[in-house]
All heavy atoms as atom14 arrays in JSON, in Angstrom:
{
  "sequence": "DSPLIAEQLTSETGRHRFTRVQDAYSLRCAPQVHGAARATLAHAESVA",
  "atom14_mask": [
    [1, 1, 1, 1, 1, 1, 1, 1, 0, 0, 0, 0, 0, 0],
    [1, 1, 1, 1, 1, 1, 0, 0, 0, 0, 0, 0, 0, 0],
    [1, 1, 1, 1, 1, 1, 1, 0, 0, 0, 0, 0, 0, 0],
    [1, 1, 1, 1, 1, 1, 1, 1, 0, 0, 0, 0, 0, 0],
    [1, 1, 1, 1, 1, 1, 1, 1, 0, 0, 0, 0, 0, 0],
    [1, 1, 1, 1, 1, 0, 0, 0, 0, 0, 0, 0, 0, 0],
    [1, 1, 1, 1, 1, 1, 1, 1, 1, 0, 0, 0, 0, 0],
    [1, 1, 1, 1, 1, 1, 1, 1, 1, 0, 0, 0, 0, 0],
    [1, 1, 1, 1, 1, 1, 1, 1, 0, 0, 0, 0, 0, 0],
    [1, 1, 1, 1, 1, 1, 1, 0, 0, 0, 0, 0, 0, 0],
    [1, 1, 1, 1, 1, 1, 0, 0, 0, 0, 0, 0, 0, 0],
    [1, 1, 1, 1, 1, 1, 1, 1, 1, 0, 0, 0, 0, 0],
    [1, 1, 1, 1, 1, 1, 1, 0, 0, 0, 0, 0, 0, 0],
    [1, 1, 1, 1, 0, 0, 0, 0, 0, 0, 0, 0, 0, 0],
    [1, 1, 1, 1, 1, 1, 1, 1, 1, 1, 1, 0, 0, 0],
    [1, 1, 1, 1, 1, 1, 1, 1, 1, 1, 0, 0, 0, 0],
    [1, 1, 1, 1, 1, 1, 1, 1, 1, 1, 1, 0, 0, 0],
    [1, 1, 1, 1, 1, 1, 1, 1, 1, 1, 1, 0, 0, 0],
    [1, 1, 1, 1, 1, 1, 1, 0, 0, 0, 0, 0, 0, 0],
    [1, 1, 1, 1, 1, 1, 1, 1, 1, 1, 1, 0, 0, 0],
    [1, 1, 1, 1, 1, 1, 1, 0, 0, 0, 0, 0, 0, 0],
    [1, 1, 1, 1, 1, 1, 1, 1, 1, 0, 0, 0, 0, 0],
    [1, 1, 1, 1, 1, 1, 1, 1, 0, 0, 0, 0, 0, 0],
    [1, 1, 1, 1, 1, 0, 0, 0, 0, 0, 0, 0, 0, 0],
    [1, 1, 1, 1, 1, 1, 1, 1, 1, 1, 1, 1, 0, 0],
    [1, 1, 1, 1, 1, 1, 0, 0, 0, 0, 0, 0, 0, 0],
    [1, 1, 1, 1, 1, 1, 1, 1, 0, 0, 0, 0, 0, 0],
    [1, 1, 1, 1, 1, 1, 1, 1, 1, 1, 1, 0, 0, 0],
    [1, 1, 1, 1, 1, 1, 0, 0, 0, 0, 0, 0, 0, 0],
    [1, 1, 1, 1, 1, 0, 0, 0, 0, 0, 0, 0, 0, 0],
    [1, 1, 1, 1, 1, 1, 1, 0, 0, 0, 0, 0, 0, 0],
    [1, 1, 1, 1, 1, 1, 1, 1, 1, 0, 0, 0, 0, 0],
    [1, 1, 1, 1, 1, 1, 1, 0, 0, 0, 0, 0, 0, 0],
    [1, 1, 1, 1, 1, 1, 1, 1, 1, 1, 0, 0, 0, 0],
    [1, 1, 1, 1, 0, 0, 0, 0, 0, 0, 0, 0, 0, 0],
    [1, 1, 1, 1, 1, 0, 0, 0, 0, 0, 0, 0, 0, 0],
    [1, 1, 1, 1, 1, 0, 0, 0, 0, 0, 0, 0, 0, 0],
    [1, 1, 1, 1, 1, 1, 1, 1, 1, 1, 1, 0, 0, 0],
    [1, 1, 1, 1, 1, 0, 0, 0, 0, 0, 0, 0, 0, 0],
    [1, 1, 1, 1, 1, 1, 1, 0, 0, 0, 0, 0, 0, 0],
    [1, 1, 1, 1, 1, 1, 1, 1, 0, 0, 0, 0, 0, 0],
    [1, 1, 1, 1, 1, 0, 0, 0, 0, 0, 0, 0, 0, 0],
    [1, 1, 1, 1, 1, 1, 1, 1, 1, 1, 0, 0, 0, 0],
    [1, 1, 1, 1, 1, 0, 0, 0, 0, 0, 0, 0, 0, 0],
    [1, 1, 1, 1, 1, 1, 1, 1, 1, 0, 0, 0, 0, 0],
    [1, 1, 1, 1, 1, 1, 0, 0, 0, 0, 0, 0, 0, 0],
    [1, 1, 1, 1, 1, 1, 1, 0, 0, 0, 0, 0, 0, 0],
    [1, 1, 1, 1, 1, 0, 0, 0, 0, 0, 0, 0, 0, 0]
  ],
  "atom14_positions": [
    [[0.81, -1.22, 0.0], [0.0, 0.0, 0.0], [0.85, 1.28, 0.0], [0.44, 2.31, 0.54], [-0.95, 0.03, 1.2], [-2.17, -0.86, 0.98], [-2.45, -1.23, -0.18], [-2.82, -1.21, 1.99], [0.0, 0.0, 0.0], [0.0, 0.0, 0.0], [0.0, 0.0, 0.0], [0.0, 0.0, 0.0], [0.0, 0.0, 0.0], [0.0, 0.0, 0.0]],
    [[2.0, 1.22, -0.63], [2.83, 2.42, -0.74], [2.23, 3.38, -1.76], [2.06, 3.03, -2.94], [4.24, 2.05, -1.2], [4.96, 3.2, -1.63], [0.0, 0.0, 0.0], [0.0, 0.0, 0.0], [0.0, 0.0, 0.0], [0.0, 0.0, 0.0], [0.0, 0.0, 0.0], [0.0, 0.0, 0.0], [0.0, 0.0, 0.0], [0.0, 0.0, 0.0]],
    [[1.91, 4.6, -1.36], [1.38, 5.57, -2.33], [2.35, 5.86, -3.46], [1.92, 6.03, -4.61], [1.13, 6.82, -1.47], [0.89, 6.28, -0.1], [1.83, 5.11, 0.03], [0.0, 0.0, 0.0], [0.0, 0.0, 0.0], [0.0, 0.0, 0.0], [0.0, 0.0, 0.0], [0.0, 0.0, 0.0], [0.0, 0.0, 0.0], [0.0, 0.0, 0.0]],
    [[3.64, 5.92, -3.15], [4.62, 6.2, -4.21], [4.63, 5.08, -5.25], [4.78, 5.34, -6.45], [6.02, 6.36, -3.61], [6.42, 7.78, -3.2], [7.76, 7.77, -2.48], [6.48, 8.7, -4.42], [0.0, 0.0, 0.0], [0.0, 0.0, 0.0], [0.0, 0.0, 0.0], [0.0, 0.0, 0.0], [0.0, 0.0, 0.0], [0.0, 0.0, 0.0]],
    [[4.51, 3.83, -4.78], [4.45, 2.72, -5.73], [3.15, 2.79, -6.54], [3.15, 2.62, -7.77], [4.54, 1.37, -4.99], [5.9, 1.23, -4.28], [4.31, 0.2, -5.94], [7.08, 1.11, -5.19], [0.0, 0.0, 0.0], [0.0, 0.0, 0.0], [0.0, 0.0, 0.0], [0.0, 0.0, 0.0], [0.0, 0.0, 0.0], [0.0, 0.0, 0.0]],
    [[2.08, 3.1, -5.86], [0.78, 3.17, -6.54], [0.76, 4.25, -7.6], [0.09, 4.11, -8.64], [-0.33, 3.41, -5.52], [0.0, 0.0, 0.0], [0.0, 0.0, 0.0], [0.0, 0.0, 0.0], [0.0, 0.0, 0.0], [0.0, 0.0, 0.0], [0.0, 0.0, 0.0], [0.0, 0.0, 0.0], [0.0, 0.0, 0.0], [0.0, 0.0, 0.0]],
    [[1.49, 5.33, -7.37], [1.52, 6.42, -8.35], [2.15, 6.0, -9.66], [1.97, 6.67, -10.69], [2.31, 7.61, -7.77], [1.56, 8.37, -6.69], [2.43, 9.45, -6.05], [3.51, 9.73, -6.62], [2.05, 9.97, -5.01], [0.0, 0.0, 0.0], [0.0, 0.0, 0.0], [0.0, 0.0, 0.0], [0.0, 0.0, 0.0], [0.0, 0.0, 0.0]],
    [[2.9, 4.89, -9.64], [3.54, 4.43, -10.87], [2.61, 3.55, -11.72], [3.0, 3.02, -12.74], [4.81, 3.63, -10.52], [5.77, 4.33, -9.59], [6.08, 5.75, -10.05], [6.51, 5.95, -11.18], [5.87, 6.72, -9.17], [0.0, 0.0, 0.0], [0.0, 0.0, 0.0], [0.0, 0.0, 0.0], [0.0, 0.0, 0.0], [0.0, 0.0, 0.0]],
    [[1.36, 3.38, -11.25], [0.4, 2.56, -11.98], [-0.52, 3.44, -12.83], [-0.87, 4.54, -12.43], [-0.45, 1.73, -11.01], [0.3, 0.79, -10.06], [-0.68, 0.17, -9.08], [1.03, -0.28, -10.84], [0.0, 0.0, 0.0], [0.0, 0.0, 0.0], [0.0, 0.0, 0.0], [0.0, 0.0, 0.0], [0.0, 0.0, 0.0], [0.0, 0.0, 0.0]],
    [[-0.91, 2.94, -13.97], [-1.91, 3.64, -14.77], [-3.3, 3.24, -14.3], [-3.54, 2.08, -13.95], [-1.77, 3.3, -16.26], [-2.03, 1.91, -16.42], [-0.38, 3.64, -16.77], [0.0, 0.0, 0.0], [0.0, 0.0, 0.0], [0.0, 0.0, 0.0], [0.0, 0.0, 0.0], [0.0, 0.0, 0.0], [0.0, 0.0, 0.0], [0.0, 0.0, 0.0]],
    [[-4.18, 4.17, -14.25], [-5.53, 3.87, -13.76], [-6.27, 2.91, -14.69], [-7.16, 2.17, -14.27], [-6.33, 5.16, -13.61], [-6.39, 5.85, -14.85], [0.0, 0.0, 0.0], [0.0, 0.0, 0.0], [0.0, 0.0, 0.0], [0.0, 0.0, 0.0], [0.0, 0.0, 0.0], [0.0, 0.0, 0.0], [0.0, 0.0, 0.0], [0.0, 0.0, 0.0]],
    [[-5.93, 2.92, -15.99], [-6.64, 2.08, -16.94], [-6.26, 0.61, -16.83], [-7.13, -0.28, -16.86], [-6.35, 2.57, -18.38], [-6.87, 3.96, -18.68], [-5.91, 5.05, -18.2], [-4.79, 4.7, -17.8], [-6.3, 6.23, -18.21], [0.0, 0.0, 0.0], [0.0, 0.0, 0.0], [0.0, 0.0, 0.0], [0.0, 0.0, 0.0], [0.0, 0.0, 0.0]],
    [[-4.98, 0.31, -16.7], [-4.53, -1.09, -16.75], [-4.03, -1.61, -15.42], [-3.94, -2.82, -15.22], [-3.38, -1.24, -17.76], [-2.24, -0.52, -17.28], [-3.79, -0.7, -19.12], [0.0, 0.0, 0.0], [0.0, 0.0, 0.0], [0.0, 0.0, 0.0], [0.0, 0.0, 0.0], [0.0, 0.0, 0.0], [0.0, 0.0, 0.0], [0.0, 0.0, 0.0]],
    [[-3.7, -0.73, -14.5], [-3.1, -1.17, -13.25], [-1.67, -1.62, -13.41], [-1.08, -2.19, -12.51], [0.0, 0.0, 0.0], [0.0, 0.0, 0.0], [0.0, 0.0, 0.0], [0.0, 0.0, 0.0], [0.0, 0.0, 0.0], [0.0, 0.0, 0.0], [0.0, 0.0, 0.0], [0.0, 0.0, 0.0], [0.0, 0.0, 0.0], [0.0, 0.0, 0.0]],
    [[-1.09, -1.38, -14.58], [0.3, -1.77, -14.82], [1.22, -0.56, -14.62], [0.8, 0.59, -14.74], [0.47, -2.32, -16.24], [-0.29, -3.63, -16.44], [-0.08, -4.14, -17.85], [-0.77, -5.41, -18.06], [-0.78, -6.07, -19.21], [-0.14, -5.55, -20.27], [-1.43, -7.21, -19.31], [0.0, 0.0, 0.0], [0.0, 0.0, 0.0], [0.0, 0.0, 0.0]],
    [[2.49, -0.87, -14.38], [3.47, 0.2, -14.17], [3.75, 0.93, -15.49], [3.85, 0.32, -16.55], [4.78, -0.38, -13.63], [4.66, -0.79, -12.2], [5.1, -0.01, -11.16], [4.13, -1.89, -11.6], [4.86, -0.62, -10.0], [4.28, -1.77, -10.26], [0.0, 0.0, 0.0], [0.0, 0.0, 0.0], [0.0, 0.0, 0.0], [0.0, 0.0, 0.0]],
    [[3.86, 2.24, -15.4], [4.13, 3.05, -16.59], [5.57, 3.54, -16.55], [5.86, 4.72, -16.36], [3.15, 4.22, -16.68], [3.07, 5.11, -15.45], [2.25, 6.38, -15.77], [2.26, 7.31, -14.66], [1.21, 7.61, -13.91], [0.05, 7.04, -14.17], [1.31, 8.47, -12.93], [0.0, 0.0, 0.0], [0.0, 0.0, 0.0], [0.0, 0.0, 0.0]],
    [[6.52, 2.62, -16.68], [7.93, 2.98, -16.63], [8.43, 3.44, -18.0], [8.04, 2.92, -19.03], [8.77, 1.76, -16.22], [8.6, 1.39, -14.77], [8.09, 0.15, -14.43], [8.95, 2.26, -13.77], [7.93, -0.2, -13.11], [8.79, 1.92, -12.45], [8.28, 0.69, -12.12], [0.0, 0.0, 0.0], [0.0, 0.0, 0.0], [0.0, 0.0, 0.0]],
    [[9.34, 4.39, -17.96], [10.08, 4.73, -19.16], [11.23, 3.74, -19.32], [11.78, 3.6, -20.41], [10.65, 6.16, -19.07], [11.46, 6.26, -17.89], [9.52, 7.17, -18.99], [0.0, 0.0, 0.0], [0.0, 0.0, 0.0], [0.0, 0.0, 0.0], [0.0, 0.0, 0.0], [0.0, 0.0, 0.0], [0.0, 0.0, 0.0], [0.0, 0.0, 0.0]],
    [[11.59, 3.04, -18.24], [12.59, 1.97, -18.3], [11.83, 0.64, -18.27], [10.76, 0.53, -17.68], [13.55, 2.06, -17.12], [12.84, 2.03, -15.77], [13.76, 2.54, -14.66], [13.12, 2.44, -13.35], [12.25, 3.3, -12.88], [11.85, 4.32, -13.62], [11.74, 3.15, -11.66], [0.0, 0.0, 0.0], [0.0, 0.0, 0.0], [0.0, 0.0, 0.0]],
    [[12.39, -0.37, -18.88], [11.7, -1.66, -18.95], [11.78, -2.39, -17.61], [10.81, -2.98, -17.15], [12.31, -2.54, -20.07], [11.66, -3.91, -20.1], [12.15, -1.84, -21.41], [0.0, 0.0, 0.0], [0.0, 0.0, 0.0], [0.0, 0.0, 0.0], [0.0, 0.0, 0.0], [0.0, 0.0, 0.0], [0.0, 0.0, 0.0], [0.0, 0.0, 0.0]],
    [[12.96, -2.35, -16.97], [13.17, -3.07, -15.73], [14.02, -2.24, -14.78], [14.82, -1.4, -15.21], [13.9, -4.4, -16.0], [13.14, -5.38, -16.88], [13.99, -6.59, -17.21], [15.2, -6.48, -17.38], [13.35, -7.75, -17.32], [0.0, 0.0, 0.0], [0.0, 0.0, 0.0], [0.0, 0.0, 0.0], [0.0, 0.0, 0.0], [0.0, 0.0, 0.0]],
    [[13.85, -2.5, -13.49], [14.74, -1.88, -12.5], [16.12, -2.52, -12.56], [16.29, -3.66, -13.02], [14.18, -2.06, -11.09], [13.01, -1.12, -10.82], [13.02, 0.0, -11.36], [12.11, -1.51, -10.05], [0.0, 0.0, 0.0], [0.0, 0.0, 0.0], [0.0, 0.0, 0.0], [0.0, 0.0, 0.0], [0.0, 0.0, 0.0], [0.0, 0.0, 0.0]],
    [[17.09, -1.8, -12.03], [18.46, -2.32, -11.97], [18.51, -3.56, -11.08], [17.66, -3.78, -10.22], [19.39, -1.24, -11.42], [0.0, 0.0, 0.0], [0.0, 0.0, 0.0], [0.0, 0.0, 0.0], [0.0, 0.0, 0.0], [0.0, 0.0, 0.0], [0.0, 0.0, 0.0], [0.0, 0.0, 0.0], [0.0, 0.0, 0.0], [0.0, 0.0, 0.0]],
    [[19.53, -4.36, -11.27], [19.69, -5.59, -10.49], [19.72, -5.33, -8.99], [19.21, -6.13, -8.2], [21.0, -6.29, -10.88], [20.98, -7.0, -12.22], [19.9, -6.88, -13.1], [22.05, -7.79, -12.6], [19.91, -7.53, -14.31], [22.06, -8.45, -13.82], [20.99, -8.31, -14.67], [21.01, -8.96, -15.89], [0.0, 0.0, 0.0], [0.0, 0.0, 0.0]],
    [[20.35, -4.23, -8.58], [20.48, -3.98, -7.14], [19.13, -3.8, -6.47], [19.0, -4.0, -5.25], [21.37, -2.75, -6.89], [20.81, -1.6, -7.49], [0.0, 0.0, 0.0], [0.0, 0.0, 0.0], [0.0, 0.0, 0.0], [0.0, 0.0, 0.0], [0.0, 0.0, 0.0], [0.0, 0.0, 0.0], [0.0, 0.0, 0.0], [0.0, 0.0, 0.0]],
    [[18.11, -3.45, -7.25], [16.74, -3.36, -6.75], [15.98, -4.66, -7.01], [15.4, -5.25, -6.11], [16.01, -2.19, -7.41], [16.64, -0.8, -7.25], [15.9, 0.21, -8.11], [16.62, -0.36, -5.79], [0.0, 0.0, 0.0], [0.0, 0.0, 0.0], [0.0, 0.0, 0.0], [0.0, 0.0, 0.0], [0.0, 0.0, 0.0], [0.0, 0.0, 0.0]],
    [[16.01, -5.1, -8.25], [15.19, -6.22, -8.68], [15.65, -7.55, -8.06], [14.85, -8.44, -7.8], [15.25, -6.31, -10.2], [14.3, -7.28, -10.79], [14.29, -7.35, -12.31], [15.26, -6.54, -13.01], [15.91, -6.95, -14.1], [15.71, -8.17, -14.58], [16.74, -6.16, -14.73], [0.0, 0.0, 0.0], [0.0, 0.0, 0.0], [0.0, 0.0, 0.0]],
    [[16.94, -7.7, -7.87], [17.5, -8.98, -7.42], [17.83, -9.02, -5.93], [18.51, -9.92, -5.46], [18.76, -9.31, -8.21], [18.5, -9.43, -9.99], [0.0, 0.0, 0.0], [0.0, 0.0, 0.0], [0.0, 0.0, 0.0], [0.0, 0.0, 0.0], [0.0, 0.0, 0.0], [0.0, 0.0, 0.0], [0.0, 0.0, 0.0], [0.0, 0.0, 0.0]],
    [[17.34, -8.04, -5.18], [17.63, -8.03, -3.74], [17.22, -9.33, -3.05], [18.0, -9.88, -2.25], [16.97, -6.82, -3.08], [0.0, 0.0, 0.0], [0.0, 0.0, 0.0], [0.0, 0.0, 0.0], [0.0, 0.0, 0.0], [0.0, 0.0, 0.0], [0.0, 0.0, 0.0], [0.0, 0.0, 0.0], [0.0, 0.0, 0.0], [0.0, 0.0, 0.0]],
    [[16.04, -9.89, -3.31], [15.68, -11.14, -2.61], [16.61, -12.3, -2.95], [16.87, -13.17, -2.11], [14.25, -11.42, -3.1], [13.73, -10.11, -3.55], [14.9, -9.4, -4.12], [0.0, 0.0, 0.0], [0.0, 0.0, 0.0], [0.0, 0.0, 0.0], [0.0, 0.0, 0.0], [0.0, 0.0, 0.0], [0.0, 0.0, 0.0], [0.0, 0.0, 0.0]],
    [[17.09, -12.32, -4.19], [17.97, -13.42, -4.58], [19.3, -13.36, -3.82], [19.82, -14.38, -3.36], [18.21, -13.37, -6.1], [17.02, -13.83, -6.93], [15.91, -12.78, -7.05], [16.06, -11.63, -6.63], [14.79, -13.18, -7.64], [0.0, 0.0, 0.0], [0.0, 0.0, 0.0], [0.0, 0.0, 0.0], [0.0, 0.0, 0.0], [0.0, 0.0, 0.0]],
    [[19.85, -12.15, -3.68], [21.13, -12.0, -2.98], [20.94, -12.11, -1.47], [21.66, -12.86, -0.78], [21.8, -10.66, -3.35], [23.03, -10.41, -2.49], [22.17, -10.66, -4.83], [0.0, 0.0, 0.0], [0.0, 0.0, 0.0], [0.0, 0.0, 0.0], [0.0, 0.0, 0.0], [0.0, 0.0, 0.0], [0.0, 0.0, 0.0], [0.0, 0.0, 0.0]],
    [[19.96, -11.4, -0.94], [19.7, -11.49, 0.5], [19.3, -12.91, 0.88], [19.64, -13.4, 1.96], [18.6, -10.52, 0.9], [18.93, -9.08, 0.66], [18.03, -8.06, 0.91], [20.06, -8.48, 0.2], [18.59, -6.91, 0.6], [19.82, -7.14, 0.16], [0.0, 0.0, 0.0], [0.0, 0.0, 0.0], [0.0, 0.0, 0.0], [0.0, 0.0, 0.0]],
    [[18.56, -13.57, -0.01], [18.15, -14.95, 0.26], [19.32, -15.9, 0.29], [19.37, -16.82, 1.12], [0.0, 0.0, 0.0], [0.0, 0.0, 0.0], [0.0, 0.0, 0.0], [0.0, 0.0, 0.0], [0.0, 0.0, 0.0], [0.0, 0.0, 0.0], [0.0, 0.0, 0.0], [0.0, 0.0, 0.0], [0.0, 0.0, 0.0], [0.0, 0.0, 0.0]],
    [[20.28, -15.72, -0.63], [21.47, -16.57, -0.62], [22.27, -16.36, 0.67], [22.83, -17.3, 1.23], [22.33, -16.26, -1.84], [0.0, 0.0, 0.0], [0.0, 0.0, 0.0], [0.0, 0.0, 0.0], [0.0, 0.0, 0.0], [0.0, 0.0, 0.0], [0.0, 0.0, 0.0], [0.0, 0.0, 0.0], [0.0, 0.0, 0.0], [0.0, 0.0, 0.0]],
    [[22.31, -15.11, 1.14], [22.99, -14.83, 2.4], [22.28, -15.54, 3.55], [22.92, -16.09, 4.46], [23.04, -13.33, 2.64], [0.0, 0.0, 0.0], [0.0, 0.0, 0.0], [0.0, 0.0, 0.0], [0.0, 0.0, 0.0], [0.0, 0.0, 0.0], [0.0, 0.0, 0.0], [0.0, 0.0, 0.0], [0.0, 0.0, 0.0], [0.0, 0.0, 0.0]],
    [[20.95, -15.54, 3.52], [20.19, -16.23, 4.56], [20.46, -17.73, 4.53], [20.54, -18.39, 5.58], [18.69, -15.97, 4.37], [18.24, -14.56, 4.72], [16.85, -14.3, 4.15], [16.37, -12.97, 4.5], [15.57, -12.72, 5.54], [15.16, -13.71, 6.31], [15.18, -11.49, 5.8], [0.0, 0.0, 0.0], [0.0, 0.0, 0.0], [0.0, 0.0, 0.0]],
    [[20.58, -18.29, 3.34], [20.87, -19.72, 3.22], [22.25, -20.04, 3.8], [22.44, -21.07, 4.45], [20.79, -20.16, 1.76], [0.0, 0.0, 0.0], [0.0, 0.0, 0.0], [0.0, 0.0, 0.0], [0.0, 0.0, 0.0], [0.0, 0.0, 0.0], [0.0, 0.0, 0.0], [0.0, 0.0, 0.0], [0.0, 0.0, 0.0], [0.0, 0.0, 0.0]],
    [[23.19, -19.15, 3.55], [24.53, -19.32, 4.11], [24.48, -19.28, 5.62], [25.13, -20.08, 6.32], [25.46, -18.21, 3.58], [25.45, -18.24, 2.15], [26.88, -18.39, 4.08], [0.0, 0.0, 0.0], [0.0, 0.0, 0.0], [0.0, 0.0, 0.0], [0.0, 0.0, 0.0], [0.0, 0.0, 0.0], [0.0, 0.0, 0.0], [0.0, 0.0, 0.0]],
    [[23.69, -18.36, 6.15], [23.54, -18.26, 7.6], [22.9, -19.52, 8.17], [23.31, -20.02, 9.23], [22.69, -17.02, 7.94], [22.37, -16.8, 9.42], [23.64, -16.73, 10.26], [21.54, -15.52, 9.59], [0.0, 0.0, 0.0], [0.0, 0.0, 0.0], [0.0, 0.0, 0.0], [0.0, 0.0, 0.0], [0.0, 0.0, 0.0], [0.0, 0.0, 0.0]],
    [[21.9, -20.06, 7.49], [21.25, -21.28, 7.97], [22.24, -22.44, 8.04], [22.25, -23.22, 9.0], [20.08, -21.64, 7.06], [0.0, 0.0, 0.0], [0.0, 0.0, 0.0], [0.0, 0.0, 0.0], [0.0, 0.0, 0.0], [0.0, 0.0, 0.0], [0.0, 0.0, 0.0], [0.0, 0.0, 0.0], [0.0, 0.0, 0.0], [0.0, 0.0, 0.0]],
    [[23.1, -22.54, 7.04], [24.13, -23.59, 7.06], [25.1, -23.36, 8.22], [25.44, -24.31, 8.94], [24.88, -23.6, 5.73], [26.1, -24.48, 5.74], [26.03, -25.83, 6.02], [27.41, -24.2, 5.56], [27.25, -26.35, 5.98], [28.09, -25.38, 5.71], [0.0, 0.0, 0.0], [0.0, 0.0, 0.0], [0.0, 0.0, 0.0], [0.0, 0.0, 0.0]],
    [[25.52, -22.13, 8.4], [26.45, -21.81, 9.49], [25.83, -22.15, 10.84], [26.51, -22.67, 11.74], [26.85, -20.34, 9.43], [0.0, 0.0, 0.0], [0.0, 0.0, 0.0], [0.0, 0.0, 0.0], [0.0, 0.0, 0.0], [0.0, 0.0, 0.0], [0.0, 0.0, 0.0], [0.0, 0.0, 0.0], [0.0, 0.0, 0.0], [0.0, 0.0, 0.0]],
    [[24.55, -21.87, 11.0], [23.88, -22.18, 12.27], [23.77, -23.69, 12.49], [23.81, -24.15, 13.65], [22.51, -21.53, 12.31], [22.58, -20.01, 12.46], [21.21, -19.37, 12.62], [20.38, -19.56, 11.72], [21.0, -18.69, 13.63], [0.0, 0.0, 0.0], [0.0, 0.0, 0.0], [0.0, 0.0, 0.0], [0.0, 0.0, 0.0], [0.0, 0.0, 0.0]],
    [[23.65, -24.45, 11.42], [23.61, -25.91, 11.59], [24.95, -26.43, 12.1], [25.01, -27.34, 12.93], [23.23, -26.61, 10.27], [24.29, -26.56, 9.33], [0.0, 0.0, 0.0], [0.0, 0.0, 0.0], [0.0, 0.0, 0.0], [0.0, 0.0, 0.0], [0.0, 0.0, 0.0], [0.0, 0.0, 0.0], [0.0, 0.0, 0.0], [0.0, 0.0, 0.0]],
    [[26.04, -25.83, 11.63], [27.38, -26.19, 12.13], [27.51, -25.78, 13.59], [28.02, -26.55, 14.42], [28.47, -25.53, 11.26], [29.85, -25.74, 11.88], [28.43, -26.09, 9.84], [0.0, 0.0, 0.0], [0.0, 0.0, 0.0], [0.0, 0.0, 0.0], [0.0, 0.0, 0.0], [0.0, 0.0, 0.0], [0.0, 0.0, 0.0], [0.0, 0.0, 0.0]],
    [[27.07, -24.58, 13.91], [27.15, -24.1, 15.3], [26.36, -25.0, 16.22], [26.8, -25.29, 17.35], [26.65, -22.66, 15.39], [0.0, 0.0, 0.0], [0.0, 0.0, 0.0], [0.0, 0.0, 0.0], [0.0, 0.0, 0.0], [0.0, 0.0, 0.0], [0.0, 0.0, 0.0], [0.0, 0.0, 0.0], [0.0, 0.0, 0.0], [0.0, 0.0, 0.0]]
  ]
}
């Protein structure tokens, strides 16, 4: 429910109206990198 995110939607389609096709990796791929770090932590905790 972020208003700033909602402002990027068109009222007709509900889709994002970007002048860019995709966000940069540092934004778009955050879950993949943070998730890999979490997996590493889970392994480390099993050793501990």
